[in-house]
Amino acid sequence: MQTLADLAGLSVAQLKRHFHRVFQVTSRQALRKVRIEPAMRLLHTNGSAAGISATCGSTDQSAFTRRFRSRVGTAPRAYRAATANQAIVAD
């Protein structure tokens, strides 16, 4: 956040306020979304849940699982099983 604030010529607090005002989510919520959405796509591959969580920027698999469940409504393993027969949709 400090690097972005420096680039924008704002303090970190000002950047966070502007970010929330523009995007209607906190910067932390946006970061979690940015990490969870690729994980959802990667769960369509044969990669391990631990490897996928690490690839998506999480250092703690149990915390990643909690955040995934909070955002998606189900655990990564259950999501993978439920979506196993669905085609991957390209962005």
PDB file of N, CA and C in Angstrom:
ATOM      1  N   MET A   1       0.828  -1.194   0.000  1.00  0.00           N
ATOM      2  CA  MET A   1       0.000   0.000   0.000  1.00  0.00           C
ATOM      3  C   MET A   1       0.870   1.255   0.000  1.00  0.00           C
ATOM      4  N   GLN A   2       1.984   1.188   0.712  1.00  0.00           N
ATOM      5  CA  GLN A   2       2.845   2.367   0.779  1.00  0.00           C
ATOM      6  C   GLN A   2       3.369   2.750  -0.605  1.00  0.00           C
ATOM      7  N   THR A   3       3.753   1.759  -1.381  1.00  0.00           N
ATOM      8  CA  THR A   3       4.259   2.040  -2.734  1.00  0.00           C
ATOM      9  C   THR A   3       3.179   2.690  -3.596  1.00  0.00           C
ATOM     10  N   LEU A   4       1.965   2.159  -3.524  1.00  0.00           N
ATOM     11  CA  LEU A   4       0.861   2.743  -4.295  1.00  0.00           C
ATOM     12  C   LEU A   4       0.540   4.153  -3.816  1.00  0.00           C
ATOM     13  N   ALA A   5       0.563   4.351  -2.508  1.00  0.00           N
ATOM     14  CA  ALA A   5       0.292   5.678  -1.957  1.00  0.00           C
ATOM     15  C   ALA A   5       1.354   6.669  -2.421  1.00  0.00           C
ATOM     16  N   ASP A   6       2.609   6.239  -2.414  1.00  0.00           N
ATOM     17  CA  ASP A   6       3.694   7.107  -2.884  1.00  0.00           C
ATOM     18  C   ASP A   6       3.501   7.470  -4.354  1.00  0.00           C
ATOM     19  N   LEU A   7       3.143   6.487  -5.161  1.00  0.00           N
ATOM     20  CA  LEU A   7       2.917   6.741  -6.588  1.00  0.00           C
ATOM     21  C   LEU A   7       1.765   7.725  -6.817  1.00  0.00           C
ATOM     22  N   ALA A   8       0.750   7.630  -5.968  1.00  0.00           N
ATOM     23  CA  ALA A   8      -0.421   8.497  -6.107  1.00  0.00           C
ATOM     24  C   ALA A   8      -0.225   9.847  -5.425  1.00  0.00           C
ATOM     25  N   GLY A   9       0.847   9.978  -4.648  1.00  0.00           N
ATOM     26  CA  GLY A   9       1.066  11.230  -3.932  1.00  0.00           C
ATOM     27  C   GLY A   9       0.114  11.409  -2.771  1.00  0.00           C
ATOM     28  N   LEU A  10      -0.287  10.300  -2.159  1.00  0.00           N
ATOM     29  CA  LEU A  10      -1.225  10.319  -1.035  1.00  0.00           C
ATOM     30  C   LEU A  10      -0.623   9.582   0.154  1.00  0.00           C
ATOM     31  N   SER A  11      -1.205   9.799   1.313  1.00  0.00           N
ATOM     32  CA  SER A  11      -0.845   8.958   2.456  1.00  0.00           C
ATOM     33  C   SER A  11      -1.577   7.624   2.291  1.00  0.00           C
ATOM     34  N   VAL A  12      -1.148   6.626   3.024  1.00  0.00           N
ATOM     35  CA  VAL A  12      -1.817   5.316   2.959  1.00  0.00           C
ATOM     36  C   VAL A  12      -3.276   5.453   3.367  1.00  0.00           C
ATOM     37  N   ALA A  13      -3.546   6.217   4.409  1.00  0.00           N
ATOM     38  CA  ALA A  13      -4.929   6.398   4.870  1.00  0.00           C
ATOM     39  C   ALA A  13      -5.780   7.058   3.790  1.00  0.00           C
ATOM     40  N   GLN A  14      -5.234   8.077   3.124  1.00  0.00           N
ATOM     41  CA  GLN A  14      -5.979   8.744   2.055  1.00  0.00           C
ATOM     42  C   GLN A  14      -6.247   7.786   0.904  1.00  0.00           C
ATOM     43  N   LEU A  15      -5.230   6.997   0.539  1.00  0.00           N
ATOM     44  CA  LEU A  15      -5.397   6.030  -0.545  1.00  0.00           C
ATOM     45  C   LEU A  15      -6.495   5.022  -0.207  1.00  0.00           C
ATOM     46  N   LYS A  16      -6.495   4.530   1.020  1.00  0.00           N
ATOM     47  CA  LYS A  16      -7.527   3.570   1.433  1.00  0.00           C
ATOM     48  C   LYS A  16      -8.918   4.182   1.367  1.00  0.00           C
ATOM     49  N   ARG A  17      -9.043   5.432   1.794  1.00  0.00           N
ATOM     50  CA  ARG A  17     -10.350   6.111   1.733  1.00  0.00           C
ATOM     51  C   ARG A  17     -10.806   6.283   0.291  1.00  0.00           C
ATOM     52  N   HIS A  18      -9.909   6.737  -0.568  1.00  0.00           N
ATOM     53  CA  HIS A  18     -10.259   6.912  -1.986  1.00  0.00           C
ATOM     54  C   HIS A  18     -10.613   5.567  -2.621  1.00  0.00           C
ATOM     55  N   PHE A  19      -9.836   4.545  -2.321  1.00  0.00           N
ATOM     56  CA  PHE A  19     -10.083   3.211  -2.866  1.00  0.00           C
ATOM     57  C   PHE A  19     -11.483   2.748  -2.485  1.00  0.00           C
ATOM     58  N   HIS A  20     -11.830   2.892  -1.205  1.00  0.00           N
ATOM     59  CA  HIS A  20     -13.144   2.453  -0.736  1.00  0.00           C
ATOM     60  C   HIS A  20     -14.263   3.270  -1.382  1.00  0.00           C
ATOM     61  N   ARG A  21     -14.041   4.551  -1.516  1.00  0.00           N
ATOM     62  CA  ARG A  21     -15.061   5.412  -2.122  1.00  0.00           C
ATOM     63  C   ARG A  21     -15.304   5.028  -3.585  1.00  0.00           C
ATOM     64  N   VAL A  22     -14.252   4.737  -4.323  1.00  0.00           N
ATOM     65  CA  VAL A  22     -14.378   4.438  -5.748  1.00  0.00           C
ATOM     66  C   VAL A  22     -14.896   3.030  -5.995  1.00  0.00           C
ATOM     67  N   PHE A  23     -14.325   2.037  -5.285  1.00  0.00           N
ATOM     68  CA  PHE A  23     -14.640   0.635  -5.580  1.00  0.00           C
ATOM     69  C   PHE A  23     -15.685   0.020  -4.650  1.00  0.00           C
ATOM     70  N   GLN A  24     -16.092   0.728  -3.621  1.00  0.00           N
ATOM     71  CA  GLN A  24     -17.100   0.254  -2.672  1.00  0.00           C
ATOM     72  C   GLN A  24     -16.686  -1.006  -1.908  1.00  0.00           C
ATOM     73  N   VAL A  25     -15.410  -1.288  -1.863  1.00  0.00           N
ATOM     74  CA  VAL A  25     -14.845  -2.362  -1.037  1.00  0.00           C
ATOM     75  C   VAL A  25     -13.529  -1.853  -0.480  1.00  0.00           C
ATOM     76  N   THR A  26     -13.092  -2.438   0.615  1.00  0.00           N
ATOM     77  CA  THR A  26     -11.804  -2.045   1.170  1.00  0.00           C
ATOM     78  C   THR A  26     -10.683  -2.640   0.318  1.00  0.00           C
ATOM     79  N   SER A  27      -9.514  -2.107   0.472  1.00  0.00           N
ATOM     80  CA  SER A  27      -8.372  -2.640  -0.276  1.00  0.00           C
ATOM     81  C   SER A  27      -8.099  -4.082   0.125  1.00  0.00           C
ATOM     82  N   ARG A  28      -8.304  -4.422   1.374  1.00  0.00           N
ATOM     83  CA  ARG A  28      -8.111  -5.797   1.835  1.00  0.00           C
ATOM     84  C   ARG A  28      -9.121  -6.740   1.181  1.00  0.00           C
ATOM     85  N   GLN A  29     -10.374  -6.302   1.074  1.00  0.00           N
ATOM     86  CA  GLN A  29     -11.388  -7.125   0.418  1.00  0.00           C
ATOM     87  C   GLN A  29     -11.051  -7.330  -1.056  1.00  0.00           C
ATOM     88  N   ALA A  30     -10.548  -6.291  -1.699  1.00  0.00           N
ATOM     89  CA  ALA A  30     -10.170  -6.397  -3.116  1.00  0.00           C
ATOM     90  C   ALA A  30      -9.011  -7.372  -3.277  1.00  0.00           C
ATOM     91  N   LEU A  31      -8.035  -7.321  -2.379  1.00  0.00           N
ATOM     92  CA  LEU A  31      -6.901  -8.231  -2.450  1.00  0.00           C
ATOM     93  C   LEU A  31      -7.358  -9.674  -2.265  1.00  0.00           C
ATOM     94  N   ARG A  32      -8.258  -9.898  -1.346  1.00  0.00           N
ATOM     95  CA  ARG A  32      -8.773 -11.259  -1.146  1.00  0.00           C
ATOM     96  C   ARG A  32      -9.485 -11.755  -2.399  1.00  0.00           C
ATOM     97  N   LYS A  33     -10.255 -10.886  -3.028  1.00  0.00           N
ATOM     98  CA  LYS A  33     -10.946 -11.270  -4.261  1.00  0.00           C
ATOM     99  C   LYS A  33      -9.936 -11.612  -5.345  1.00  0.00           C
ATOM    100  N   VAL A  34      -8.898 -10.812  -5.450  1.00  0.00           N
ATOM    101  CA  VAL A  34      -7.864 -11.047  -6.457  1.00  0.00           C
ATOM    102  C   VAL A  34      -7.157 -12.376  -6.214  1.00  0.00           C
ATOM    103  N   ARG A  35      -7.080 -12.814  -4.979  1.00  0.00           N
ATOM    104  CA  ARG A  35      -6.439 -14.092  -4.667  1.00  0.00           C
ATOM    105  C   ARG A  35      -7.392 -15.275  -4.811  1.00  0.00           C
ATOM    106  N   ILE A  36      -8.656 -15.083  -4.517  1.00  0.00           N
ATOM    107  CA  ILE A  36      -9.622 -16.193  -4.540  1.00  0.00           C
ATOM    108  C   ILE A  36     -10.050 -16.536  -5.967  1.00  0.00           C
ATOM    109  N   GLU A  37     -10.271 -15.557  -6.822  1.00  0.00           N
ATOM    110  CA  GLU A  37     -10.760 -15.845  -8.167  1.00  0.00           C
ATOM    111  C   GLU A  37      -9.803 -16.726  -8.978  1.00  0.00           C
ATOM    112  N   PRO A  38      -8.487 -16.470  -8.959  1.00  0.00           N
ATOM    113  CA  PRO A  38      -7.594 -17.401  -9.657  1.00  0.00           C
ATOM    114  C   PRO A  38      -7.605 -18.793  -9.014  1.00  0.00           C
ATOM    115  N   ALA A  39      -7.761 -18.842  -7.711  1.00  0.00           N
ATOM    116  CA  ALA A  39      -7.827 -20.134  -7.034  1.00  0.00           C
ATOM    117  C   ALA A  39      -9.026 -20.934  -7.529  1.00  0.00           C
ATOM    118  N   MET A  40     -10.128 -20.264  -7.765  1.00  0.00           N
ATOM    119  CA  MET A  40     -11.315 -20.957  -8.279  1.00  0.00           C
ATOM    120  C   MET A  40     -11.012 -21.590  -9.635  1.00  0.00           C
ATOM    121  N   ARG A  41     -10.278 -20.865 -10.484  1.00  0.00           N
ATOM    122  CA  ARG A  41      -9.908 -21.422 -11.796  1.00  0.00           C
ATOM    123  C   ARG A  41      -8.908 -22.562 -11.636  1.00  0.00           C
ATOM    124  N   LEU A  42      -7.925 -22.382 -10.748  1.00  0.00           N
ATOM    125  CA  LEU A  42      -6.898 -23.407 -10.560  1.00  0.00           C
ATOM    126  C   LEU A  42      -7.459 -24.691  -9.958  1.00  0.00           C
ATOM    127  N   LEU A  43      -8.560 -24.593  -9.244  1.00  0.00           N
ATOM    128  CA  LEU A  43      -9.172 -25.796  -8.672  1.00  0.00           C
ATOM    129  C   LEU A  43      -9.760 -26.699  -9.754  1.00  0.00           C
ATOM    130  N   HIS A  44      -9.829 -26.228 -10.977  1.00  0.00           N
ATOM    131  CA  HIS A  44     -10.264 -27.067 -12.101  1.00  0.00           C
ATOM    132  C   HIS A  44      -9.106 -27.889 -12.653  1.00  0.00           C
ATOM    133  N   THR A  45      -7.902 -27.682 -12.119  1.00  0.00           N
ATOM    134  CA  THR A  45      -6.727 -28.445 -12.541  1.00  0.00           C
ATOM    135  C   THR A  45      -6.454 -29.537 -11.504  1.00  0.00           C
ATOM    136  N   ASN A  46      -5.394 -30.271 -11.716  1.00  0.00           N
ATOM    137  CA  ASN A  46      -5.050 -31.341 -10.778  1.00  0.00           C
ATOM    138  C   ASN A  46      -4.129 -30.880  -9.660  1.00  0.00           C
ATOM    139  N   GLY A  47      -3.860 -29.592  -9.554  1.00  0.00           N
ATOM    140  CA  GLY A  47      -2.971 -29.074  -8.523  1.00  0.00           C
ATOM    141  C   GLY A  47      -3.509 -29.316  -7.122  1.00  0.00           C
ATOM    142  N   SER A  48      -2.602 -29.424  -6.174  1.00  0.00           N
ATOM    143  CA  SER A  48      -3.010 -29.632  -4.782  1.00  0.00           C
ATOM    144  C   SER A  48      -3.560 -28.324  -4.212  1.00  0.00           C
ATOM    145  N   ALA A  49      -4.413 -28.449  -3.213  1.00  0.00           N
ATOM    146  CA  ALA A  49      -4.988 -27.271  -2.573  1.00  0.00           C
ATOM    147  C   ALA A  49      -3.887 -26.430  -1.932  1.00  0.00           C
ATOM    148  N   ALA A  50      -2.886 -27.078  -1.342  1.00  0.00           N
ATOM    149  CA  ALA A  50      -1.781 -26.345  -0.723  1.00  0.00           C
ATOM    150  C   ALA A  50      -0.991 -25.579  -1.774  1.00  0.00           C
ATOM    151  N   GLY A  51      -0.731 -26.206  -2.895  1.00  0.00           N
ATOM    152  CA  GLY A  51      -0.011 -25.544  -3.972  1.00  0.00           C
ATOM    153  C   GLY A  51      -0.787 -24.388  -4.553  1.00  0.00           C
ATOM    154  N   ILE A  52      -2.090 -24.567  -4.695  1.00  0.00           N
ATOM    155  CA  ILE A  52      -2.941 -23.507  -5.239  1.00  0.00           C
ATOM    156  C   ILE A  52      -2.989 -22.327  -4.282  1.00  0.00           C
ATOM    157  N   SER A  53      -3.115 -22.598  -2.974  1.00  0.00           N
ATOM    158  CA  SER A  53      -3.160 -21.497  -2.016  1.00  0.00           C
ATOM    159  C   SER A  53      -1.848 -20.728  -2.036  1.00  0.00           C
ATOM    160  N   ALA A  54      -0.716 -21.417  -2.152  1.00  0.00           N
ATOM    161  CA  ALA A  54       0.587 -20.750  -2.218  1.00  0.00           C
ATOM    162  C   ALA A  54       0.715 -19.939  -3.508  1.00  0.00           C
ATOM    163  N   THR A  55       0.258 -20.496  -4.610  1.00  0.00           N
ATOM    164  CA  THR A  55       0.311 -19.797  -5.894  1.00  0.00           C
ATOM    165  C   THR A  55      -0.495 -18.507  -5.853  1.00  0.00           C
ATOM    166  N   CYS A  56      -1.571 -18.525  -5.092  1.00  0.00           N
ATOM    167  CA  CYS A  56      -2.450 -17.358  -5.011  1.00  0.00           C
ATOM    168  C   CYS A  56      -2.080 -16.404  -3.885  1.00  0.00           C
ATOM    169  N   GLY A  57      -0.896 -16.572  -3.317  1.00  0.00           N
ATOM    170  CA  GLY A  57      -0.385 -15.596  -2.359  1.00  0.00           C
ATOM    171  C   GLY A  57      -0.659 -15.865  -0.907  1.00  0.00           C
ATOM    172  N   SER A  58      -1.143 -17.032  -0.574  1.00  0.00           N
ATOM    173  CA  SER A  58      -1.419 -17.350   0.824  1.00  0.00           C
ATOM    174  C   SER A  58      -0.279 -18.183   1.405  1.00  0.00           C
ATOM    175  N   THR A  59       0.153 -17.825   2.590  1.00  0.00           N
ATOM    176  CA  THR A  59       1.215 -18.585   3.249  1.00  0.00           C
ATOM    177  C   THR A  59       0.656 -19.591   4.244  1.00  0.00           C
ATOM    178  N   ASP A  60      -0.626 -19.509   4.515  1.00  0.00           N
ATOM    179  CA  ASP A  60      -1.267 -20.383   5.502  1.00  0.00           C
ATOM    180  C   ASP A  60      -2.477 -21.044   4.845  1.00  0.00           C
ATOM    181  N   GLN A  61      -2.385 -22.348   4.601  1.00  0.00           N
ATOM    182  CA  GLN A  61      -3.459 -23.035   3.889  1.00  0.00           C
ATOM    183  C   GLN A  61      -4.775 -23.003   4.650  1.00  0.00           C
ATOM    184  N   SER A  62      -4.744 -23.125   5.967  1.00  0.00           N
ATOM    185  CA  SER A  62      -6.001 -23.118   6.722  1.00  0.00           C
ATOM    186  C   SER A  62      -6.663 -21.738   6.649  1.00  0.00           C
ATOM    187  N   ALA A  63      -5.872 -20.674   6.684  1.00  0.00           N
ATOM    188  CA  ALA A  63      -6.440 -19.330   6.548  1.00  0.00           C
ATOM    189  C   ALA A  63      -7.009 -19.151   5.142  1.00  0.00           C
ATOM    190  N   PHE A  64      -6.300 -19.668   4.144  1.00  0.00           N
ATOM    191  CA  PHE A  64      -6.791 -19.605   2.770  1.00  0.00           C
ATOM    192  C   PHE A  64      -8.128 -20.329   2.653  1.00  0.00           C
ATOM    193  N   THR A  65      -8.229 -21.511   3.261  1.00  0.00           N
ATOM    194  CA  THR A  65      -9.470 -22.281   3.215  1.00  0.00           C
ATOM    195  C   THR A  65     -10.614 -21.511   3.867  1.00  0.00           C
ATOM    196  N   ARG A  66     -10.350 -20.871   5.004  1.00  0.00           N
ATOM    197  CA  ARG A  66     -11.383 -20.074   5.672  1.00  0.00           C
ATOM    198  C   ARG A  66     -11.834 -18.913   4.784  1.00  0.00           C
ATOM    199  N   ARG A  67     -10.879 -18.222   4.173  1.00  0.00           N
ATOM    200  CA  ARG A  67     -11.227 -17.089   3.308  1.00  0.00           C
ATOM    201  C   ARG A  67     -11.967 -17.560   2.059  1.00  0.00           C
ATOM    202  N   PHE A  68     -11.540 -18.672   1.500  1.00  0.00           N
ATOM    203  CA  PHE A  68     -12.214 -19.230   0.330  1.00  0.00           C
ATOM    204  C   PHE A  68     -13.660 -19.572   0.687  1.00  0.00           C
ATOM    205  N   ARG A  69     -13.833 -20.249   1.812  1.00  0.00           N
ATOM    206  CA  ARG A  69     -15.180 -20.638   2.253  1.00  0.00           C
ATOM    207  C   ARG A  69     -16.043 -19.407   2.506  1.00  0.00           C
ATOM    208  N   SER A  70     -15.464 -18.381   3.094  1.00  0.00           N
ATOM    209  CA  SER A  70     -16.207 -17.160   3.377  1.00  0.00           C
ATOM    210  C   SER A  70     -16.659 -16.474   2.087  1.00  0.00           C
ATOM    211  N   ARG A  71     -15.791 -16.451   1.097  1.00  0.00           N
ATOM    212  CA  ARG A  71     -16.088 -15.756  -0.168  1.00  0.00           C
ATOM    213  C   ARG A  71     -16.983 -16.572  -1.095  1.00  0.00           C
ATOM    214  N   VAL A  72     -16.699 -17.890  -1.201  1.00  0.00           N
ATOM    215  CA  VAL A  72     -17.377 -18.738  -2.177  1.00  0.00           C
ATOM    216  C   VAL A  72     -18.556 -19.489  -1.567  1.00  0.00           C
ATOM    217  N   GLY A  73     -18.500 -19.739  -0.275  1.00  0.00           N
ATOM    218  CA  GLY A  73     -19.593 -20.436   0.385  1.00  0.00           C
ATOM    219  C   GLY A  73     -19.331 -21.912   0.607  1.00  0.00           C
ATOM    220  N   THR A  74     -18.179 -22.385   0.176  1.00  0.00           N
ATOM    221  CA  THR A  74     -17.821 -23.786   0.345  1.00  0.00           C
ATOM    222  C   THR A  74     -16.299 -23.901   0.402  1.00  0.00           C
ATOM    223  N   ALA A  75     -15.817 -24.981   0.952  1.00  0.00           N
ATOM    224  CA  ALA A  75     -14.378 -25.206   1.041  1.00  0.00           C
ATOM    225  C   ALA A  75     -13.807 -25.515  -0.345  1.00  0.00           C
ATOM    226  N   PRO A  76     -12.506 -25.286  -0.553  1.00  0.00           N
ATOM    227  CA  PRO A  76     -11.908 -25.556  -1.868  1.00  0.00           C
ATOM    228  C   PRO A  76     -12.137 -26.981  -2.362  1.00  0.00           C
ATOM    229  N   ARG A  77     -12.012 -27.966  -1.490  1.00  0.00           N
ATOM    230  CA  ARG A  77     -12.210 -29.363  -1.907  1.00  0.00           C
ATOM    231  C   ARG A  77     -13.641 -29.593  -2.376  1.00  0.00           C
ATOM    232  N   ALA A  78     -14.606 -29.058  -1.632  1.00  0.00           N
ATOM    233  CA  ALA A  78     -16.005 -29.217  -2.018  1.00  0.00           C
ATOM    234  C   ALA A  78     -16.299 -28.448  -3.308  1.00  0.00           C
ATOM    235  N   TYR A  79     -15.688 -27.289  -3.470  1.00  0.00           N
ATOM    236  CA  TYR A  79     -15.855 -26.515  -4.706  1.00  0.00           C
ATOM    237  C   TYR A  79     -15.325 -27.306  -5.892  1.00  0.00           C
ATOM    238  N   ARG A  80     -14.152 -27.898  -5.727  1.00  0.00           N
ATOM    239  CA  ARG A  80     -13.555 -28.695  -6.811  1.00  0.00           C
ATOM    240  C   ARG A  80     -14.481 -29.858  -7.177  1.00  0.00           C
ATOM    241  N   ALA A  81     -15.008 -30.545  -6.183  1.00  0.00           N
ATOM    242  CA  ALA A  81     -15.886 -31.686  -6.449  1.00  0.00           C
ATOM    243  C   ALA A  81     -17.184 -31.237  -7.132  1.00  0.00           C
ATOM    244  N   ALA A  82     -17.736 -30.114  -6.669  1.00  0.00           N
ATOM    245  CA  ALA A  82     -19.003 -29.637  -7.219  1.00  0.00           C
ATOM    246  C   ALA A  82     -18.862 -29.124  -8.645  1.00  0.00           C
ATOM    247  N   THR A  83     -17.688 -28.648  -9.003  1.00  0.00           N
ATOM    248  CA  THR A  83     -17.499 -28.058 -10.329  1.00  0.00           C
ATOM    249  C   THR A  83     -16.664 -28.946 -11.245  1.00  0.00           C
ATOM    250  N   ALA A  84     -16.434 -30.170 -10.868  1.00  0.00           N
ATOM    251  CA  ALA A  84     -15.563 -31.075 -11.624  1.00  0.00           C
ATOM    252  C   ALA A  84     -16.014 -31.264 -13.062  1.00  0.00           C
ATOM    253  N   ASN A  85     -17.295 -31.253 -13.323  1.00  0.00           N
ATOM    254  CA  ASN A  85     -17.791 -31.522 -14.680  1.00  0.00           C
ATOM    255  C   ASN A  85     -18.112 -30.258 -15.464  1.00  0.00           C
ATOM    256  N   GLN A  86     -17.838 -29.099 -14.884  1.00  0.00           N
ATOM    257  CA  GLN A  86     -18.118 -27.851 -15.581  1.00  0.00           C
ATOM    258  C   GLN A  86     -16.901 -27.421 -16.366  1.00  0.00           C
ATOM    259  N   ALA A  87     -17.142 -26.795 -17.487  1.00  0.00           N
ATOM    260  CA  ALA A  87     -16.038 -26.267 -18.315  1.00  0.00           C
ATOM    261  C   ALA A  87     -15.508 -24.992 -17.665  1.00  0.00           C
ATOM    262  N   ILE A  88     -14.237 -24.733 -17.835  1.00  0.00           N
ATOM    263  CA  ILE A  88     -13.632 -23.525 -17.341  1.00  0.00           C
ATOM    264  C   ILE A  88     -14.024 -22.386 -18.275  1.00  0.00           C
ATOM    265  N   VAL A  89     -14.521 -21.310 -17.685  1.00  0.00           N
ATOM    266  CA  VAL A  89     -14.951 -20.149 -18.461  1.00  0.00           C
ATOM    267  C   VAL A  89     -13.782 -19.182 -18.532  1.00  0.00           C
ATOM    268  N   ALA A  90     -13.397 -18.791 -19.738  1.00  0.00           N
ATOM    269  CA  ALA A  90     -12.301 -17.848 -19.920  1.00  0.00           C
ATOM    270  C   ALA A  90     -12.775 -16.442 -19.590  1.00  0.00           C
ATOM    271  N   ASP A  91     -11.856 -15.661 -19.029  1.00  0.00           N
ATOM    272  CA  ASP A  91     -12.188 -14.259 -18.704  1.00  0.00           C
ATOM    273  C   ASP A  91     -12.133 -13.404 -19.910  1.00  0.00           C
TER     274      ASP A  91
END
